[in-house]
Amino acid sequence: MLIFRQLFDQQSSTYTYLLADSTTGEAVLVDPVFEQVRREIALLGELGLRLLYTIDTHVHADHVTGAWMLKRRTGSQIAMSAASGAEGASRYLNHGDRCEFGTRYLGVRATPGHTNGCISLVLDDETMAFTGDCLLIRGTGRTDFQHGDPRAMFRAVHEQIFTLPETCLLFPAHDYRGLTVTSVGEERRFNPRLGGELCEDDFAGYMTNLRLPHPKQIDVAVPANLTCGVAASDPTQMAEPDWAPLTYNFAGIWEINPQWLEENLRSVQIVDVREPDEFDGPLGRIPEARLISLGELAKRAGELAQERPIVTVCRAGGRSAQATVILRQSGFEAVANLAGGMLRWRAEGRVVENGSM
């Protein structure tokens, strides 16, 4: 069974794709974004997957790839087009190559035009393809920098993408309108730049006169991506919080190790966000805990000290997870949730006050 996830980076409107073989747990990530590396690692951990490859469809101009940081954190290999000009990849891909994960693979198709090193990736059964910045949903990537060539793009789309089955789903590297997927049949018919009866001259004339603004991140992104993300990957940007043993989940919440918390109750501020009757109820409460119900937390956040870490707790961990979001919005950075809440705390036999269970 194929595991598939479409992930999104709001800042750059970039889609990252996770594909994995559920039998072996082997996975690949297509077009990872540096700022989202922690999220991707959390998802891999929650799904029990081992990342074999990151694959960038081209040298991006609007974000820095997460390839190098993911290699550093997971041991994954970096795959890039041999025509990309990038240095530091583990594997350089050519037209016709395969990137295998478990019993599945992505086939590599050269689709230049946006850049001269663009590739598209086609799933083994041709039900899905990942088109990078070559073919977008009802559009295409631009062709006015990085050796772009509208005629090369037109031919690449018609020869390498439009030759796939009409029902093949197409997933681009970007969309700026919230669209998520299209198909070969749809784009053949409805793409306003190169669908229908539009010819290569029509497309070249269209693209030559787009007059698009310079990409905002190009001066940072391109040099960094020509080294697979090394040049802009300051390890301190992905440094783990050092005030306690924490884990980061796919929901974007830092979670604390309960044993460490029990041994260090006085070194943090414990904020119990249950209601007063729960705080005094049979589950008990953690020693040193302070009651601030979730509904009051935003207006009472100023009562908490900025210089001391905060651990939030509730009955089962849901309300306290939301409490970490509220506290971060209020300017607190060292915040973590007690996942599982008081139910987990009691099940593990940890110290409580006022409990009767």
Protein backbone atom coordinates (compact mmCIF):
# COMPACT_ATOMS: atom_id res chain seq x y z
CA MET A 1 0.00 0.00 0.00
CA LEU A 2 1.24 3.48 -0.89
CA ILE A 3 1.38 6.13 1.82
CA PHE A 4 0.95 9.60 0.32
CA ARG A 5 0.86 13.04 1.94
CA GLN A 6 0.72 16.48 0.34
CA LEU A 7 2.32 19.08 2.61
CA PHE A 8 2.35 22.87 2.23
CA ASP A 9 4.67 25.74 3.11
CA GLN A 10 2.56 28.88 3.33
CA GLN A 11 5.47 31.35 3.06
CA SER A 12 6.59 30.13 -0.37
CA SER A 13 3.36 28.38 -1.47
CA THR A 14 5.42 25.24 -1.97
CA TYR A 15 4.04 21.70 -1.92
CA THR A 16 6.21 18.95 -0.48
CA TYR A 17 5.20 15.35 -1.16
CA LEU A 18 5.80 12.31 1.02
CA LEU A 19 5.54 8.89 -0.61
CA ALA A 20 6.24 5.65 1.23
CA ASP A 21 5.81 1.90 0.95
CA SER A 22 3.71 0.88 3.96
CA THR A 23 5.15 -2.65 3.92
CA THR A 24 8.81 -1.65 4.26
CA GLY A 25 8.40 1.82 5.74
CA GLU A 26 10.80 3.26 3.17
CA ALA A 27 9.99 6.81 2.07
CA VAL A 28 10.95 9.67 -0.24
CA LEU A 29 10.26 13.40 0.06
CA VAL A 30 9.83 15.54 -3.04
CA ASP A 31 10.75 19.26 -2.84
CA PRO A 32 11.29 19.66 0.93
CA VAL A 33 11.45 23.20 2.38
CA PHE A 34 14.13 24.13 4.90
CA GLU A 35 11.77 25.83 7.35
CA GLN A 36 9.55 22.72 7.43
CA VAL A 37 12.24 20.12 8.18
CA ARG A 38 11.15 19.72 11.80
CA ARG A 39 7.56 19.10 10.65
CA GLU A 40 8.67 16.48 8.12
CA ILE A 41 10.80 14.65 10.68
CA ALA A 42 7.87 14.59 13.10
CA LEU A 43 5.58 13.10 10.43
CA LEU A 44 8.13 10.44 9.50
CA GLY A 45 8.43 9.51 13.16
CA GLU A 46 4.69 9.34 13.77
CA LEU A 47 4.16 7.14 10.71
CA GLY A 48 7.17 4.96 11.50
CA LEU A 49 8.91 5.68 8.18
CA ARG A 50 12.58 5.72 7.16
CA LEU A 51 13.53 8.45 4.71
CA LEU A 52 15.69 7.13 1.87
CA TYR A 53 15.78 10.14 -0.46
CA THR A 54 14.91 13.77 -0.78
CA ILE A 55 14.36 14.72 -4.41
CA ASP A 56 14.29 18.32 -5.63
CA THR A 57 12.60 18.75 -8.99
CA HIS A 58 14.89 21.71 -9.79
CA VAL A 59 17.04 24.44 -8.26
CA HIS A 60 14.34 26.51 -6.59
CA ALA A 61 14.38 30.31 -6.62
CA ASP A 62 11.69 30.96 -4.01
CA HIS A 63 12.76 28.84 -1.03
CA VAL A 64 15.77 26.97 0.32
CA THR A 65 15.57 23.21 0.09
CA GLY A 66 15.50 21.11 3.25
CA ALA A 67 17.58 18.37 1.59
CA TRP A 68 20.86 18.96 3.41
CA MET A 69 19.26 19.39 6.82
CA LEU A 70 17.18 16.24 6.35
CA LYS A 71 20.32 14.35 5.38
CA ARG A 72 22.00 15.66 8.52
CA ARG A 73 19.06 14.71 10.74
CA THR A 74 17.90 11.41 9.18
CA GLY A 75 20.77 10.10 7.07
CA SER A 76 18.73 10.36 3.87
CA GLN A 77 20.35 10.73 0.46
CA ILE A 78 19.99 13.85 -1.68
CA ALA A 79 18.86 13.34 -5.28
CA MET A 80 19.01 16.10 -7.92
CA SER A 81 18.98 16.34 -11.69
CA ALA A 82 22.38 15.81 -13.26
CA ALA A 83 21.66 18.91 -15.36
CA SER A 84 20.90 21.10 -12.33
CA GLY A 85 24.47 22.27 -11.74
CA ALA A 86 24.03 21.66 -8.00
CA GLU A 87 26.90 20.39 -5.88
CA GLY A 88 26.74 18.06 -2.90
CA ALA A 89 24.02 15.62 -3.99
CA SER A 90 24.32 11.93 -3.14
CA ARG A 91 22.84 10.92 -6.48
CA TYR A 92 22.48 12.76 -9.77
CA LEU A 93 19.42 11.81 -11.79
CA ASN A 94 19.08 11.43 -15.53
CA HIS A 95 16.07 10.87 -17.75
CA GLY A 96 14.85 7.29 -17.33
CA ASP A 97 16.34 6.73 -13.86
CA ARG A 98 14.30 5.31 -11.00
CA CYS A 99 14.19 6.34 -7.35
CA GLU A 100 13.06 3.22 -5.52
CA PHE A 101 11.44 3.02 -2.09
CA GLY A 102 10.39 -0.43 -0.95
CA THR A 103 8.51 -2.12 -3.79
CA ARG A 104 7.60 1.21 -5.41
CA TYR A 105 9.55 3.73 -7.46
CA LEU A 106 9.40 7.16 -9.05
CA GLY A 107 10.52 7.35 -12.67
CA VAL A 108 12.56 10.40 -13.68
CA ARG A 109 11.59 12.42 -16.77
CA ALA A 110 13.61 15.40 -17.95
CA THR A 111 11.25 18.39 -18.31
CA PRO A 112 13.46 21.47 -18.88
CA GLY A 113 12.13 24.93 -19.61
CA HIS A 114 11.59 26.56 -16.22
CA THR A 115 15.26 25.79 -15.63
CA ASN A 116 17.51 23.58 -17.69
CA GLY A 117 17.69 21.05 -14.84
CA CYS A 118 13.98 20.47 -14.20
CA ILE A 119 12.65 16.95 -13.79
CA SER A 120 9.21 15.46 -13.30
CA LEU A 121 8.66 12.29 -11.28
CA VAL A 122 6.14 9.64 -12.34
CA LEU A 123 4.86 6.95 -9.97
CA ASP A 124 5.49 3.40 -11.20
CA ASP A 125 1.85 2.71 -12.19
CA GLU A 126 1.44 6.16 -13.85
CA THR A 127 -1.43 7.14 -11.58
CA MET A 128 0.45 10.14 -10.15
CA ALA A 129 3.15 12.50 -11.37
CA PHE A 130 5.02 15.35 -9.68
CA THR A 131 5.69 18.12 -12.16
CA GLY A 132 7.74 20.61 -10.14
CA ASP A 133 7.59 24.07 -11.72
CA CYS A 134 7.20 22.74 -15.26
CA LEU A 135 3.43 22.23 -15.38
CA LEU A 136 1.27 23.95 -12.76
CA ILE A 137 -2.49 23.73 -12.30
CA ARG A 138 -3.89 25.71 -15.27
CA GLY A 139 -0.49 27.28 -15.74
CA THR A 140 3.25 26.69 -16.03
CA GLY A 141 6.43 27.81 -14.36
CA ARG A 142 8.09 30.97 -15.64
CA THR A 143 10.86 30.73 -18.26
CA ASP A 144 12.71 34.04 -17.90
CA PHE A 145 15.68 33.12 -15.70
CA GLN A 146 18.06 30.23 -14.83
CA HIS A 147 18.41 29.20 -18.49
CA GLY A 148 14.65 29.07 -18.95
CA ASP A 149 13.33 28.27 -22.41
CA PRO A 150 9.62 28.40 -23.31
CA ARG A 151 10.03 26.20 -26.39
CA ALA A 152 11.85 23.55 -24.37
CA MET A 153 9.05 23.67 -21.79
CA PHE A 154 6.32 23.30 -24.41
CA ARG A 155 8.01 20.23 -25.85
CA ALA A 156 8.71 18.75 -22.40
CA VAL A 157 5.07 19.06 -21.33
CA HIS A 158 3.71 17.56 -24.55
CA GLU A 159 6.29 14.77 -24.80
CA GLN A 160 6.80 13.79 -21.16
CA ILE A 161 3.62 14.76 -19.28
CA PHE A 162 0.75 14.89 -21.76
CA THR A 163 1.75 11.40 -22.98
CA LEU A 164 0.76 9.97 -19.58
CA PRO A 165 -2.76 8.48 -19.15
CA GLU A 166 -5.50 11.11 -19.06
CA THR A 167 -6.47 10.00 -15.55
CA CYS A 168 -2.94 10.44 -14.18
CA LEU A 169 -3.08 12.94 -11.31
CA LEU A 170 -0.61 15.81 -11.50
CA PHE A 171 0.87 17.45 -8.43
CA PRO A 172 2.87 20.69 -8.93
CA ALA A 173 5.56 22.19 -6.72
CA HIS A 174 3.51 25.35 -6.19
CA ASP A 175 0.04 26.78 -6.27
CA TYR A 176 -0.87 30.32 -5.25
CA ARG A 177 -4.67 29.94 -5.25
CA GLY A 178 -5.19 26.97 -2.94
CA LEU A 179 -5.56 24.40 -5.75
CA THR A 180 -4.05 21.02 -4.90
CA VAL A 181 -4.21 18.60 -7.83
CA THR A 182 -5.14 18.32 -11.48
CA SER A 183 -4.95 15.62 -14.16
CA VAL A 184 -3.38 15.08 -17.54
CA GLY A 185 -6.78 15.18 -19.22
CA GLU A 186 -7.76 18.45 -17.56
CA GLU A 187 -4.53 20.23 -18.45
CA ARG A 188 -4.57 18.99 -22.06
CA ARG A 189 -7.98 20.55 -22.45
CA PHE A 190 -8.11 23.55 -20.13
CA ASN A 191 -4.58 24.86 -19.53
CA PRO A 192 -4.79 28.42 -20.93
CA ARG A 193 -1.09 28.55 -21.82
CA LEU A 194 -0.57 25.31 -23.73
CA GLY A 195 -3.74 23.23 -23.75
CA GLY A 196 -6.24 22.71 -26.53
CA GLU A 197 -4.99 23.70 -29.97
CA LEU A 198 -2.31 26.14 -28.78
CA CYS A 199 0.99 25.62 -30.63
CA GLU A 200 4.60 26.16 -29.64
CA ASP A 201 4.69 29.66 -31.16
CA ASP A 202 1.58 30.64 -29.19
CA PHE A 203 3.18 29.42 -25.98
CA ALA A 204 6.52 31.13 -26.64
CA GLY A 205 4.80 34.42 -27.35
CA TYR A 206 2.68 34.13 -24.21
CA MET A 207 5.65 33.35 -21.94
CA THR A 208 7.94 35.99 -23.44
CA ASN A 209 5.44 38.70 -22.53
CA LEU A 210 4.54 37.69 -18.96
CA ARG A 211 6.68 40.46 -17.39
CA LEU A 212 6.75 38.87 -13.95
CA PRO A 213 8.48 40.52 -10.95
CA HIS A 214 11.84 39.23 -9.76
CA PRO A 215 11.37 36.36 -7.22
CA LYS A 216 11.82 37.79 -3.71
CA GLN A 217 14.08 35.02 -2.43
CA ILE A 218 16.11 34.32 -5.56
CA ASP A 219 19.35 35.93 -4.34
CA VAL A 220 19.34 33.73 -1.23
CA ALA A 221 17.60 30.62 -2.51
CA VAL A 222 19.50 29.90 -5.72
CA PRO A 223 23.03 29.99 -4.23
CA ALA A 224 21.88 27.87 -1.29
CA ASN A 225 20.11 25.37 -3.51
CA LEU A 226 23.14 25.04 -5.77
CA THR A 227 24.76 23.42 -2.70
CA CYS A 228 21.64 21.34 -1.87
CA GLY A 229 20.77 23.67 0.99
CA VAL A 230 24.13 23.77 2.77
CA ALA A 231 24.92 27.44 2.17
CA ALA A 232 21.87 28.77 4.03
CA SER A 233 21.40 25.92 6.50
CA ASP A 234 22.61 27.41 9.75
CA PRO A 235 22.27 24.47 12.18
CA THR A 236 21.20 26.88 14.94
CA GLN A 237 17.96 27.48 13.04
CA MET A 238 17.03 23.85 13.63
CA ALA A 239 18.49 23.60 17.13
CA GLU A 240 16.37 21.69 19.60
CA PRO A 241 15.22 23.49 22.78
CA ASP A 242 17.78 22.78 25.47
CA TRP A 243 15.83 23.47 28.64
CA ALA A 244 14.27 19.98 28.76
CA PRO A 245 14.04 16.75 26.70
CA LEU A 246 11.31 17.66 24.20
CA THR A 247 9.84 16.06 21.10
CA TYR A 248 8.09 17.87 18.24
CA ASN A 249 4.91 16.38 16.79
CA PHE A 250 3.34 16.78 13.37
CA ALA A 251 0.67 19.05 14.85
CA GLY A 252 3.45 21.56 15.59
CA ILE A 253 3.46 21.11 19.38
CA TRP A 254 6.52 20.57 21.57
CA GLU A 255 5.94 17.78 24.11
CA ILE A 256 7.87 17.18 27.33
CA ASN A 257 9.30 14.00 28.81
CA PRO A 258 7.14 13.24 31.92
CA GLN A 259 10.00 11.67 33.89
CA TRP A 260 12.14 14.77 33.43
CA LEU A 261 9.24 16.95 34.50
CA GLU A 262 8.67 14.93 37.69
CA GLU A 263 12.35 15.31 38.55
CA ASN A 264 12.43 19.04 37.80
CA LEU A 265 9.11 20.38 39.04
CA ARG A 266 10.63 23.51 40.57
CA SER A 267 12.61 24.52 37.49
CA VAL A 268 9.53 25.25 35.34
CA GLN A 269 6.14 26.92 35.59
CA ILE A 270 3.41 24.27 35.44
CA VAL A 271 0.14 25.73 34.17
CA ASP A 272 -2.92 23.53 34.62
CA VAL A 273 -5.60 24.70 32.16
CA ARG A 274 -8.47 22.57 33.45
CA GLU A 275 -11.54 23.98 35.19
CA PRO A 276 -11.41 24.53 38.98
CA ASP A 277 -13.54 21.46 39.77
CA GLU A 278 -11.15 19.29 37.73
CA PHE A 279 -8.12 20.85 39.38
CA ASP A 280 -9.53 19.85 42.78
CA GLY A 281 -11.02 16.58 41.48
CA PRO A 282 -10.06 12.91 41.84
CA LEU A 283 -7.30 12.97 39.20
CA GLY A 284 -5.39 15.32 41.43
CA ARG A 285 -2.81 17.80 40.24
CA ILE A 286 0.91 17.99 39.70
CA PRO A 287 2.78 19.55 42.64
CA GLU A 288 3.72 23.18 41.95
CA ALA A 289 0.95 23.44 39.31
CA ARG A 290 -0.88 26.73 38.93
CA LEU A 291 -4.50 26.82 37.80
CA ILE A 292 -5.30 29.11 34.87
CA SER A 293 -8.26 27.71 32.93
CA LEU A 294 -7.88 27.64 29.16
CA GLY A 295 -10.59 30.25 28.63
CA GLU A 296 -8.72 32.72 30.84
CA LEU A 297 -5.19 32.00 29.66
CA ALA A 298 -4.89 34.66 26.96
CA LYS A 299 -5.86 37.51 29.28
CA ARG A 300 -3.85 36.17 32.22
CA ALA A 301 -0.68 35.23 30.35
CA GLY A 302 1.00 38.36 31.74
CA GLU A 303 0.96 36.75 35.20
CA LEU A 304 3.56 34.22 34.03
CA ALA A 305 7.32 34.84 34.04
CA GLN A 306 8.94 35.18 30.62
CA GLU A 307 12.31 33.91 31.84
CA ARG A 308 11.12 30.50 33.08
CA PRO A 309 9.91 27.65 30.82
CA ILE A 310 6.24 26.72 30.94
CA VAL A 311 4.67 23.26 30.87
CA THR A 312 0.93 23.09 30.20
CA VAL A 313 -1.28 20.27 31.47
CA CYS A 314 -4.94 19.25 31.34
CA ARG A 315 -6.92 16.01 31.65
CA ALA A 316 -5.79 14.27 28.43
CA GLY A 317 -3.47 16.72 26.66
CA GLY A 318 -5.81 18.37 24.17
CA ARG A 319 -6.63 21.62 25.92
CA SER A 320 -3.05 21.97 27.09
CA ALA A 321 -1.82 21.59 23.50
CA GLN A 322 -4.00 24.56 22.56
CA ALA A 323 -2.62 26.39 25.59
CA THR A 324 0.91 26.18 24.13
CA VAL A 325 -0.37 27.91 20.99
CA ILE A 326 -1.95 30.68 23.05
CA LEU A 327 1.20 31.17 25.08
CA ARG A 328 3.41 31.35 21.98
CA GLN A 329 1.07 33.93 20.52
CA SER A 330 1.56 35.86 23.77
CA GLY A 331 5.33 35.88 23.29
CA PHE A 332 6.46 32.86 25.32
CA GLU A 333 9.03 30.72 23.51
CA ALA A 334 10.00 28.03 26.04
CA VAL A 335 6.67 26.21 26.18
CA ALA A 336 5.84 22.50 26.09
CA ASN A 337 2.77 20.32 26.50
CA LEU A 338 2.36 17.31 28.77
CA ALA A 339 0.98 14.90 26.16
CA GLY A 340 -1.62 12.57 27.65
CA GLY A 341 -2.24 14.98 30.49
CA MET A 342 -3.15 13.90 34.00
CA LEU A 343 -4.50 10.58 32.72
CA ARG A 344 -1.03 9.62 31.52
CA TRP A 345 0.65 11.14 34.57
CA ARG A 346 -1.49 9.02 36.91
CA ALA A 347 -1.18 5.88 34.75
CA GLU A 348 2.60 6.13 35.04
CA GLY A 349 2.32 6.40 38.82
CA ARG A 350 3.84 9.86 39.09
CA VAL A 351 3.55 12.13 42.09
CA VAL A 352 0.28 14.05 42.63
CA GLU A 353 -1.41 16.26 45.13
CA ASN A 354 -5.03 15.97 46.24
CA GLY A 355 -5.73 12.85 44.15
CA SER A 356 -8.09 10.08 45.23
CA MET A 357 -7.92 7.57 42.34
